[in-house]
Amino acid sequence: MKTGNETKPILLLIFTMILEKEVARRERRLHRLKSALAALCGLLLPGCMTPPERERLASLPPLPAQWSAERQRQGAASNHWLETFADPRLTQAVNAALAGNFDLRAAAARIEAARAQMRIDGAGRWPQLAFQTGYGRDDPGRGVPETGAFEAFFDLSWELDVWGRIRAAQLASGQEAEAAVSDWQAARLSLAARTAQNFIELTEAHAQVRVAEQSMHDRRTLVELLRGRFQRGLTHALDLRLALTDLANAEAQLAEQRTRVQNLTRALQVLLGRYPDGHFAVGEALPALPKAVPAGMPSALVERRPDLNAAFERLCAVDKRLESARKALLPRFALTASGGAGSAALSELIDPRAAAWHLALGLVQPIFTGGRLRGEIQLQQARVEELLNGYRSAALNAFREVEQTLAAEDRLREQEQALEEAVRQTDASRKLAIYSYQHGLIEILTLLDSYRSTLNAQSAHLTARRQLLNNRIDLYLALGGGF
């Protein structure tokens, strides 16, 4: 038989074993609790994550320090390009288009719509209060008297935007409104450029008409001369027929140029927001080409171009849409309240003792939505990828437009100078051909060819001057300059 002193170690051992089991059991519970918390954090943290602020140049390929086709003086790109043409009629036409063009007004209306959408998306951050009043009457039947009562109730609901889900959606709408502003600025710049180019093309078309009229007048004089010589038997009928054919071709060219004037005039009037009646006055001559202007640095183009600003703002907006979609996975806290009174007597509705009310604070955690919330996240992720690549593509196209117009200006200058020399040479050759034909040194075909060469050279020179001016406007448009 064991004594009391011998049983103490055994009891101590049993107590230690029981204590170790209890500690192990509590550790297992704590481990399971930690695992559950880790899983919950893994579910909620993606919704809490706020995307980093984007950098305009971070998503683009490396940019050079200057334009590869730069042939102009260095410096920041200039604004106010319209006044460099020093043509009051041109400036007046552009200002009229900015004031009366309906497409530009539609773009301005889209700004107001985007700002209104921002207010709509942000309304959920504020309490929503509704009031309802009325009168109801019941007839239970079976001899029971009819009853009626006046009612007045209110309902209050307020989602506490703890995680910033609604705020992210509101910020997205705000950036989309900024994109609409940039769209309007781009439309305004494009309208000014199109109006200026149309005005210059119309001026060139009027000059083409005058050249064709002069050429036709010269050929008609030649026909009258040949008809008189033919009647006196001094020239062949073939020469007169060839001259008449050439005159008919000149008349067809003149009619074509006049049709072009009408089409360009009506197109310009539509840009100005006027009825296209085909009557619009332009200058007698094309404006002089302004001096070369600096194009700035390629990296500065990203902030100057309004269309690139719009693309970047929409990219940032969809980042906020993605943030809001992720935070939709988190619990929502809502405060609700309702109250009111009902009474057969209208006067009793204003008695505070007759009013009843209810106030509650609740939490809603989405558990199963059929994949809607996850699908919304995937949708916004796909839109982020779409708009990111769209922004990159728009930026590369903007760089291409600047490089292309810079390089084209040198070639157009060379072409315009060569055609100017061709005009001088063909005019001299036409005068020499007239003298030679009068003295019987050349055939009529050579003389008629000199008339055609003169007309073609003058027409080509006017076209080259117009292309050079329009290319300069394209450069200002590509640089995103003001006016």
Protein backbone atom coordinates (compact mmCIF):
# COMPACT_ATOMS: atom_id res chain seq x y z
CA MET A 1 0.00 0.00 0.00
CA LYS A 2 1.37 3.36 -1.17
CA THR A 3 1.76 6.11 1.33
CA GLY A 4 0.64 9.73 0.86
CA ASN A 5 4.15 10.82 0.01
CA GLU A 6 4.31 8.31 -2.83
CA THR A 7 0.99 9.41 -4.41
CA LYS A 8 2.01 13.11 -4.73
CA PRO A 9 4.32 12.59 -7.75
CA ILE A 10 1.63 10.58 -9.50
CA LEU A 11 -0.99 13.28 -8.95
CA LEU A 12 1.46 15.92 -10.11
CA LEU A 13 2.17 13.94 -13.25
CA ILE A 14 -1.54 13.54 -14.00
CA PHE A 15 -2.17 17.24 -13.41
CA THR A 16 0.73 18.14 -15.73
CA MET A 17 -0.63 15.90 -18.48
CA ILE A 18 -4.09 17.42 -18.18
CA LEU A 19 -2.62 20.94 -18.29
CA GLU A 20 -0.57 20.13 -21.38
CA LYS A 21 -3.63 18.77 -23.19
CA GLU A 22 -5.62 21.89 -22.30
CA VAL A 23 -2.83 24.15 -23.58
CA ALA A 24 -2.54 22.13 -26.79
CA ARG A 25 -6.30 22.31 -27.27
CA ARG A 26 -6.28 26.09 -26.80
CA GLU A 27 -3.34 26.42 -29.20
CA ARG A 28 -5.26 24.48 -31.84
CA ARG A 29 -8.24 26.79 -31.39
CA LEU A 30 -5.98 29.82 -31.62
CA HIS A 31 -4.37 28.42 -34.77
CA ARG A 32 -7.77 27.85 -36.37
CA LEU A 33 -8.79 31.39 -35.40
CA LYS A 34 -5.61 32.79 -36.95
CA SER A 35 -6.21 30.80 -40.13
CA ALA A 36 -9.78 32.11 -40.34
CA LEU A 37 -8.58 35.67 -39.79
CA ALA A 38 -5.90 35.21 -42.44
CA ALA A 39 -8.48 33.93 -44.90
CA LEU A 40 -10.79 36.84 -44.09
CA CYS A 41 -7.95 39.31 -44.58
CA GLY A 42 -7.09 37.63 -47.85
CA LEU A 43 -10.66 38.22 -48.93
CA LEU A 44 -10.95 41.79 -47.72
CA LEU A 45 -7.50 43.23 -48.37
CA PRO A 46 -7.85 43.24 -52.17
CA GLY A 47 -10.93 45.35 -51.71
CA CYS A 48 -9.06 47.76 -49.45
CA MET A 49 -6.17 48.20 -51.85
CA THR A 50 -6.03 51.63 -53.51
CA PRO A 51 -4.29 51.67 -56.90
CA PRO A 52 -1.16 53.84 -57.09
CA GLU A 53 -1.27 57.16 -58.89
CA ARG A 54 -0.31 56.78 -62.53
CA GLU A 55 2.50 58.71 -64.20
CA ARG A 56 1.91 59.98 -67.72
CA LEU A 57 5.31 58.93 -69.05
CA ALA A 58 5.73 55.73 -67.03
CA SER A 59 3.53 53.69 -69.38
CA LEU A 60 5.22 54.91 -72.57
CA PRO A 61 8.41 53.75 -74.31
CA PRO A 62 11.59 55.81 -73.74
CA LEU A 63 11.37 59.18 -75.47
CA PRO A 64 14.22 61.05 -77.19
CA ALA A 65 15.41 64.44 -75.96
CA GLN A 66 14.32 66.12 -79.21
CA TRP A 67 12.42 65.37 -82.38
CA SER A 68 14.34 63.39 -84.98
CA ALA A 69 12.98 65.59 -87.77
CA GLU A 70 13.59 68.86 -85.92
CA ARG A 71 14.81 71.52 -88.31
CA GLN A 72 13.59 74.48 -86.38
CA ARG A 73 14.96 76.56 -83.57
CA GLN A 74 14.99 75.03 -80.12
CA GLY A 75 12.71 76.13 -77.33
CA ALA A 76 9.30 75.50 -75.88
CA ALA A 77 6.45 75.00 -78.31
CA SER A 78 4.56 78.23 -78.90
CA ASN A 79 0.87 78.97 -78.57
CA HIS A 80 -1.38 81.48 -80.35
CA TRP A 81 -0.56 80.08 -83.79
CA LEU A 82 -3.55 81.70 -85.46
CA GLU A 83 -2.16 85.22 -85.19
CA THR A 84 1.11 84.16 -86.90
CA PHE A 85 -0.73 84.05 -90.24
CA ALA A 86 -1.54 87.79 -89.94
CA ASP A 87 -4.79 87.36 -91.89
CA PRO A 88 -7.80 89.16 -90.32
CA ARG A 89 -10.29 87.28 -92.51
CA LEU A 90 -8.83 83.95 -91.43
CA THR A 91 -8.96 84.94 -87.75
CA GLN A 92 -12.54 86.14 -88.12
CA ALA A 93 -13.60 82.86 -89.74
CA VAL A 94 -12.03 80.76 -86.98
CA ASN A 95 -13.65 82.86 -84.24
CA ALA A 96 -17.02 82.57 -85.98
CA ALA A 97 -16.66 78.78 -86.10
CA LEU A 98 -15.81 78.62 -82.39
CA ALA A 99 -18.91 80.64 -81.59
CA GLY A 100 -21.40 78.96 -83.92
CA ASN A 101 -20.32 75.36 -84.56
CA PHE A 102 -22.95 72.90 -83.32
CA ASP A 103 -20.56 69.95 -82.87
CA LEU A 104 -18.53 72.06 -80.44
CA ARG A 105 -21.69 72.94 -78.55
CA ALA A 106 -22.54 69.24 -78.34
CA ALA A 107 -19.08 68.58 -76.86
CA ALA A 108 -19.71 71.31 -74.27
CA ALA A 109 -23.04 69.68 -73.38
CA ARG A 110 -21.22 66.39 -72.79
CA ILE A 111 -19.15 68.16 -70.13
CA GLU A 112 -22.29 69.14 -68.24
CA ALA A 113 -23.63 65.59 -68.57
CA ALA A 114 -20.39 64.16 -67.14
CA ARG A 115 -20.47 66.60 -64.22
CA ALA A 116 -24.09 65.70 -63.52
CA GLN A 117 -23.12 62.00 -63.52
CA MET A 118 -20.42 62.80 -60.97
CA ARG A 119 -23.05 64.34 -58.69
CA ILE A 120 -25.27 61.28 -59.18
CA ASP A 121 -22.46 58.86 -58.30
CA GLY A 122 -21.56 60.87 -55.21
CA ALA A 123 -25.13 61.17 -53.92
CA GLY A 124 -24.86 57.83 -52.13
CA ARG A 125 -22.42 59.34 -49.64
CA TRP A 126 -25.25 61.47 -48.21
CA PRO A 127 -28.35 60.45 -46.24
CA GLN A 128 -31.40 59.67 -48.38
CA LEU A 129 -34.61 61.01 -46.88
CA ALA A 130 -38.13 60.50 -48.24
CA PHE A 131 -41.47 61.73 -46.90
CA GLN A 132 -44.83 60.20 -47.69
CA THR A 133 -48.28 61.38 -46.73
CA GLY A 134 -51.79 60.41 -47.72
CA TYR A 135 -55.27 59.38 -46.74
CA GLY A 136 -56.66 55.84 -46.83
CA ARG A 137 -60.19 54.50 -46.37
CA ASP A 138 -61.25 50.89 -45.75
CA ASP A 139 -64.61 49.12 -45.98
CA PRO A 140 -64.39 45.76 -44.12
CA GLY A 141 -67.96 44.83 -45.13
CA ARG A 142 -70.49 42.73 -43.17
CA GLY A 143 -71.99 45.80 -41.59
CA VAL A 144 -68.73 47.02 -40.12
CA PRO A 145 -68.45 50.78 -40.47
CA GLU A 146 -65.97 52.23 -42.87
CA THR A 147 -62.75 53.60 -41.43
CA GLY A 148 -60.36 56.21 -42.70
CA ALA A 149 -57.03 57.56 -41.55
CA PHE A 150 -54.51 60.21 -42.42
CA GLU A 151 -50.89 59.01 -42.62
CA ALA A 152 -47.53 60.78 -42.62
CA PHE A 153 -44.30 58.77 -42.67
CA PHE A 154 -40.62 59.35 -43.40
CA ASP A 155 -37.81 56.98 -44.33
CA LEU A 156 -34.12 57.66 -43.83
CA SER A 157 -31.29 55.53 -45.19
CA TRP A 158 -27.59 56.26 -45.11
CA GLU A 159 -24.79 53.96 -46.21
CA LEU A 160 -21.66 54.80 -44.24
CA ASP A 161 -18.90 54.83 -46.84
CA VAL A 162 -16.36 53.30 -44.46
CA TRP A 163 -14.11 51.80 -47.14
CA GLY A 164 -14.49 54.61 -49.71
CA ARG A 165 -16.35 52.54 -52.33
CA ILE A 166 -18.80 55.29 -53.21
CA ARG A 167 -16.10 57.94 -53.07
CA ALA A 168 -13.99 55.95 -55.57
CA ALA A 169 -16.93 55.83 -57.98
CA GLN A 170 -17.45 59.56 -57.54
CA LEU A 171 -13.76 60.25 -58.21
CA ALA A 172 -14.00 58.10 -61.35
CA SER A 173 -16.92 60.20 -62.57
CA GLY A 174 -14.96 63.35 -61.77
CA GLN A 175 -12.03 62.20 -63.88
CA GLU A 176 -14.41 61.26 -66.68
CA ALA A 177 -15.75 64.82 -66.46
CA GLU A 178 -12.17 66.10 -66.78
CA ALA A 179 -11.78 63.84 -69.81
CA ALA A 180 -14.90 65.43 -71.30
CA VAL A 181 -13.30 68.85 -70.77
CA SER A 182 -10.19 67.64 -72.59
CA ASP A 183 -12.41 66.26 -75.36
CA TRP A 184 -13.97 69.70 -75.72
CA GLN A 185 -10.54 71.33 -75.86
CA ALA A 186 -9.44 68.83 -78.50
CA ALA A 187 -12.62 69.44 -80.49
CA ARG A 188 -12.09 73.19 -80.23
CA LEU A 189 -8.50 72.93 -81.45
CA SER A 190 -9.49 70.56 -84.24
CA LEU A 191 -12.33 72.87 -85.29
CA ALA A 192 -10.00 75.86 -85.42
CA ALA A 193 -7.50 73.91 -87.51
CA ARG A 194 -10.15 72.53 -89.89
CA THR A 195 -11.68 75.97 -90.31
CA ALA A 196 -8.30 77.53 -91.05
CA GLN A 197 -7.41 74.79 -93.53
CA ASN A 198 -10.81 75.02 -95.22
CA PHE A 199 -10.46 78.80 -95.45
CA ILE A 200 -6.99 78.44 -97.00
CA GLU A 201 -8.22 75.78 -99.42
CA LEU A 202 -11.15 78.00 -100.42
CA THR A 203 -8.76 80.90 -101.00
CA GLU A 204 -6.60 78.63 -103.14
CA ALA A 205 -9.68 77.44 -105.08
CA HIS A 206 -10.63 81.05 -105.89
CA ALA A 207 -7.05 81.62 -107.08
CA GLN A 208 -7.31 78.50 -109.23
CA VAL A 209 -10.49 79.92 -110.78
CA ARG A 210 -8.71 83.17 -111.63
CA VAL A 211 -5.81 81.26 -113.19
CA ALA A 212 -8.23 79.12 -115.24
CA GLU A 213 -10.17 82.23 -116.32
CA GLN A 214 -6.98 83.93 -117.48
CA SER A 215 -5.89 80.81 -119.36
CA MET A 216 -9.29 80.54 -121.02
CA HIS A 217 -9.17 84.21 -121.97
CA ASP A 218 -5.76 83.72 -123.58
CA ARG A 219 -6.97 80.67 -125.49
CA ARG A 220 -10.13 82.43 -126.62
CA THR A 221 -7.95 85.26 -127.96
CA LEU A 222 -5.89 82.67 -129.82
CA VAL A 223 -9.03 81.08 -131.29
CA GLU A 224 -10.29 84.45 -132.52
CA LEU A 225 -6.91 85.12 -134.09
CA LEU A 226 -6.87 81.73 -135.83
CA ARG A 227 -10.46 82.12 -137.01
CA GLY A 228 -9.58 85.41 -138.67
CA ARG A 229 -6.47 83.92 -140.27
CA PHE A 230 -8.49 80.91 -141.43
CA GLN A 231 -11.10 83.15 -143.05
CA ARG A 232 -8.31 84.95 -144.92
CA GLY A 233 -6.80 81.62 -145.97
CA LEU A 234 -3.64 82.14 -143.94
CA THR A 235 -3.93 79.04 -141.75
CA HIS A 236 -5.26 75.48 -141.93
CA ALA A 237 -8.63 74.32 -140.58
CA LEU A 238 -6.79 71.76 -138.46
CA ASP A 239 -5.07 74.50 -136.47
CA LEU A 240 -8.42 76.14 -135.73
CA ARG A 241 -9.99 72.80 -134.71
CA LEU A 242 -7.11 72.04 -132.34
CA ALA A 243 -7.37 75.49 -130.79
CA LEU A 244 -11.14 75.09 -130.34
CA THR A 245 -10.60 71.70 -128.69
CA ASP A 246 -8.05 73.20 -126.32
CA LEU A 247 -10.45 76.04 -125.47
CA ALA A 248 -13.22 73.56 -124.66
CA ASN A 249 -10.89 71.68 -122.31
CA ALA A 250 -10.00 74.97 -120.61
CA GLU A 251 -13.70 75.73 -120.12
CA ALA A 252 -14.20 72.29 -118.54
CA GLN A 253 -11.31 72.90 -116.15
CA LEU A 254 -12.78 76.27 -115.19
CA ALA A 255 -16.17 74.69 -114.50
CA GLU A 256 -14.49 72.07 -112.33
CA GLN A 257 -12.70 74.73 -110.28
CA ARG A 258 -15.92 76.71 -109.81
CA THR A 259 -17.67 73.56 -108.58
CA ARG A 260 -14.83 73.05 -106.11
CA VAL A 261 -15.27 76.63 -104.86
CA GLN A 262 -18.97 76.00 -104.23
CA ASN A 263 -18.34 72.76 -102.36
CA LEU A 264 -15.62 74.28 -100.18
CA THR A 265 -17.73 77.36 -99.46
CA ARG A 266 -20.67 75.30 -98.25
CA ALA A 267 -18.41 73.06 -96.15
CA LEU A 268 -16.89 76.14 -94.50
CA GLN A 269 -20.33 77.61 -93.80
CA VAL A 270 -21.39 74.40 -92.05
CA LEU A 271 -18.29 74.62 -89.85
CA LEU A 272 -19.31 78.17 -88.98
CA GLY A 273 -22.84 77.07 -88.10
CA ARG A 274 -24.40 78.97 -91.00
CA TYR A 275 -26.81 78.01 -93.73
CA PRO A 276 -24.77 76.70 -96.72
CA ASP A 277 -25.94 79.15 -99.39
CA GLY A 278 -22.59 79.10 -101.17
CA HIS A 279 -21.64 82.75 -100.54
CA PHE A 280 -18.57 83.53 -98.44
CA ALA A 281 -15.86 86.14 -99.01
CA VAL A 282 -12.18 85.24 -98.68
CA GLY A 283 -8.95 87.08 -99.40
CA GLU A 284 -7.47 87.59 -102.84
CA ALA A 285 -4.24 85.73 -102.09
CA LEU A 286 -3.01 82.97 -99.82
CA PRO A 287 -1.43 84.16 -96.56
CA ALA A 288 2.33 84.07 -96.23
CA LEU A 289 3.89 81.09 -94.47
CA PRO A 290 4.75 82.06 -90.87
CA LYS A 291 8.30 81.77 -89.60
CA ALA A 292 9.46 78.43 -88.28
CA VAL A 293 8.42 77.77 -84.71
CA PRO A 294 9.99 75.56 -82.01
CA ALA A 295 8.35 72.21 -81.49
CA GLY A 296 9.41 71.75 -77.87
CA MET A 297 10.43 68.41 -76.35
CA PRO A 298 8.65 65.13 -77.09
CA SER A 299 7.98 64.56 -73.39
CA ALA A 300 6.09 67.87 -73.17
CA LEU A 301 3.67 66.71 -75.85
CA VAL A 302 2.00 64.29 -73.43
CA GLU A 303 0.66 67.17 -71.34
CA ARG A 304 0.02 69.61 -74.24
CA ARG A 305 -2.21 67.41 -76.35
CA PRO A 306 -5.82 67.56 -75.09
CA ASP A 307 -6.69 64.21 -76.70
CA LEU A 308 -3.86 62.55 -74.74
CA ASN A 309 -5.09 64.26 -71.57
CA ALA A 310 -8.55 62.82 -72.22
CA ALA A 311 -7.15 59.32 -72.76
CA PHE A 312 -5.08 59.55 -69.56
CA GLU A 313 -8.02 60.86 -67.50
CA ARG A 314 -10.19 57.96 -68.68
CA LEU A 315 -7.44 55.53 -67.75
CA CYS A 316 -7.29 57.01 -64.23
CA ALA A 317 -11.08 56.91 -64.05
CA VAL A 318 -11.24 53.21 -64.81
CA ASP A 319 -8.59 52.68 -62.09
CA LYS A 320 -11.09 54.20 -59.66
CA ARG A 321 -13.87 52.03 -61.09
CA LEU A 322 -11.73 48.98 -60.39
CA GLU A 323 -11.07 50.21 -56.85
CA SER A 324 -14.80 50.68 -56.26
CA ALA A 325 -15.55 47.21 -57.66
CA ARG A 326 -13.02 45.61 -55.31
CA LYS A 327 -14.40 47.44 -52.30
CA ALA A 328 -17.86 46.13 -53.12
CA LEU A 329 -16.66 42.83 -51.59
CA LEU A 330 -16.34 44.47 -48.16
CA PRO A 331 -19.12 44.74 -45.57
CA ARG A 332 -21.48 47.66 -45.93
CA PHE A 333 -22.65 49.61 -42.91
CA ALA A 334 -26.07 51.24 -43.23
CA LEU A 335 -28.04 53.47 -40.90
CA THR A 336 -31.82 53.31 -41.37
CA ALA A 337 -34.60 55.18 -39.67
CA SER A 338 -38.33 55.41 -40.19
CA GLY A 339 -41.21 57.01 -38.39
CA GLY A 340 -44.51 58.74 -38.66
CA ALA A 341 -48.06 58.77 -37.46
CA GLY A 342 -51.52 57.75 -38.55
CA SER A 343 -54.83 59.08 -37.26
CA ALA A 344 -58.43 59.45 -38.30
CA ALA A 345 -58.20 63.12 -37.38
CA LEU A 346 -55.87 65.29 -39.43
CA SER A 347 -55.17 67.51 -36.44
CA GLU A 348 -53.71 64.60 -34.45
CA LEU A 349 -50.89 64.06 -36.98
CA ILE A 350 -48.99 67.02 -35.52
CA ASP A 351 -49.19 65.63 -31.98
CA PRO A 352 -45.66 64.40 -31.10
CA ARG A 353 -47.14 61.74 -28.76
CA ALA A 354 -48.79 60.03 -31.75
CA ALA A 355 -45.52 59.58 -33.64
CA ALA A 356 -43.65 56.27 -33.74
CA TRP A 357 -40.11 55.81 -34.97
CA HIS A 358 -37.51 53.14 -35.58
CA LEU A 359 -33.71 53.47 -35.82
CA ALA A 360 -31.25 50.69 -36.78
CA LEU A 361 -27.60 50.30 -37.69
CA GLY A 362 -26.89 47.25 -39.79
CA LEU A 363 -24.07 45.46 -41.59
CA VAL A 364 -24.38 43.61 -44.88
CA GLN A 365 -21.63 41.30 -46.08
CA PRO A 366 -22.00 39.86 -49.61
CA ILE A 367 -21.64 36.09 -49.47
CA PHE A 368 -22.92 34.76 -52.78
CA THR A 369 -23.92 36.95 -55.73
CA GLY A 370 -23.67 34.48 -58.57
CA GLY A 371 -20.28 35.85 -59.61
CA ARG A 372 -21.58 39.38 -60.19
CA LEU A 373 -19.05 41.15 -57.95
CA ARG A 374 -16.11 39.12 -59.22
CA GLY A 375 -17.32 39.64 -62.78
CA GLU A 376 -17.44 43.40 -62.20
CA ILE A 377 -13.83 43.31 -61.00
CA GLN A 378 -12.76 41.33 -64.07
CA LEU A 379 -14.67 43.73 -66.31
CA GLN A 380 -12.88 46.76 -64.85
CA GLN A 381 -9.52 44.99 -65.03
CA ALA A 382 -10.10 44.33 -68.73
CA ARG A 383 -11.08 47.97 -69.25
CA VAL A 384 -7.90 49.10 -67.49
CA GLU A 385 -5.86 47.01 -69.91
CA GLU A 386 -7.89 48.32 -72.86
CA LEU A 387 -7.55 52.00 -71.95
CA LEU A 388 -3.88 51.63 -71.00
CA ASN A 389 -3.01 50.27 -74.42
CA GLY A 390 -5.30 52.81 -76.06
CA TYR A 391 -3.40 55.59 -74.27
CA ARG A 392 -0.08 54.17 -75.43
CA SER A 393 -1.31 53.91 -79.01
CA ALA A 394 -2.69 57.47 -78.96
CA ALA A 395 0.63 58.78 -77.63
CA LEU A 396 2.66 57.01 -80.32
CA ASN A 397 0.33 58.36 -83.01
CA ALA A 398 0.75 61.86 -81.58
CA PHE A 399 4.55 61.54 -81.79
CA ARG A 400 4.20 60.23 -85.35
CA GLU A 401 2.07 63.19 -86.38
CA VAL A 402 4.64 65.69 -85.11
CA GLU A 403 7.59 63.87 -86.70
CA GLN A 404 5.67 63.51 -89.95
CA THR A 405 4.70 67.17 -90.23
CA LEU A 406 8.19 68.33 -89.28
CA ALA A 407 9.74 66.15 -91.96
CA ALA A 408 7.11 67.07 -94.57
CA GLU A 409 7.72 70.80 -94.25
CA ASP A 410 11.22 70.60 -95.75
CA ARG A 411 9.99 68.53 -98.70
CA LEU A 412 7.03 70.85 -99.29
CA ARG A 413 9.29 73.91 -99.20
CA GLU A 414 11.53 72.34 -101.86
CA GLN A 415 8.50 71.41 -103.95
CA GLU A 416 6.99 74.91 -103.71
CA GLN A 417 10.28 76.57 -104.72
CA ALA A 418 10.70 74.22 -107.69
CA LEU A 419 7.16 74.88 -108.88
CA GLU A 420 7.66 78.62 -108.50
CA GLU A 421 10.62 78.33 -110.86
CA ALA A 422 8.51 76.20 -113.21
CA VAL A 423 5.89 78.97 -113.36
CA ARG A 424 8.53 81.47 -114.44
CA GLN A 425 9.95 79.14 -117.07
CA THR A 426 6.60 78.10 -118.56
CA ASP A 427 5.41 81.70 -118.73
CA ALA A 428 8.57 82.66 -120.62
CA SER A 429 8.23 79.65 -122.91
CA ARG A 430 4.59 80.54 -123.67
CA LYS A 431 5.56 84.05 -124.74
CA LEU A 432 8.35 82.63 -126.89
CA ALA A 433 5.97 80.07 -128.42
CA ILE A 434 3.50 82.82 -129.37
CA TYR A 435 6.26 84.76 -131.11
CA SER A 436 7.55 81.65 -132.87
CA TYR A 437 4.09 80.63 -134.10
CA GLN A 438 3.38 84.11 -135.42
CA HIS A 439 6.57 83.87 -137.50
CA GLY A 440 5.87 80.32 -138.69
CA LEU A 441 8.70 78.71 -136.75
CA ILE A 442 6.61 76.15 -134.79
CA GLU A 443 3.41 74.17 -135.23
CA ILE A 444 0.12 74.94 -133.45
CA LEU A 445 0.51 71.87 -131.19
CA THR A 446 3.67 73.33 -129.69
CA LEU A 447 1.89 76.60 -128.97
CA LEU A 448 -1.10 74.86 -127.37
CA ASP A 449 1.22 72.73 -125.29
CA SER A 450 2.86 75.88 -123.94
CA TYR A 451 -0.56 77.16 -122.82
CA ARG A 452 -1.31 73.89 -121.03
CA SER A 453 2.13 73.82 -119.40
CA THR A 454 1.65 77.35 -118.08
CA LEU A 455 -1.77 76.55 -116.63
CA ASN A 456 -0.56 73.29 -115.05
CA ALA A 457 2.50 74.95 -113.51
CA GLN A 458 0.46 77.81 -112.02
CA SER A 459 -2.16 75.40 -110.68
CA ALA A 460 0.46 73.07 -109.18
CA HIS A 461 2.24 76.01 -107.54
CA LEU A 462 -0.96 77.19 -105.87
CA THR A 463 -1.63 73.64 -104.66
CA ALA A 464 1.89 73.35 -103.23
CA ARG A 465 1.53 76.65 -101.36
CA ARG A 466 -1.79 75.52 -99.92
CA GLN A 467 -0.28 72.17 -98.85
CA LEU A 468 2.63 73.97 -97.18
CA LEU A 469 0.25 76.21 -95.21
CA ASN A 470 -1.98 73.29 -94.26
CA ASN A 471 1.03 71.27 -93.15
CA ARG A 472 2.01 74.12 -90.83
CA ILE A 473 -1.49 74.06 -89.35
CA ASP A 474 -1.20 70.27 -88.99
CA LEU A 475 2.02 70.86 -87.05
CA TYR A 476 0.30 73.29 -84.66
CA LEU A 477 -2.55 70.78 -84.28
CA ALA A 478 -0.14 67.90 -83.64
CA LEU A 479 1.68 69.96 -80.99
CA GLY A 480 -1.61 70.73 -79.24
CA GLY A 481 -0.98 74.47 -79.32
CA GLY A 482 -3.49 77.13 -78.43
CA PHE A 483 -4.67 79.93 -80.65
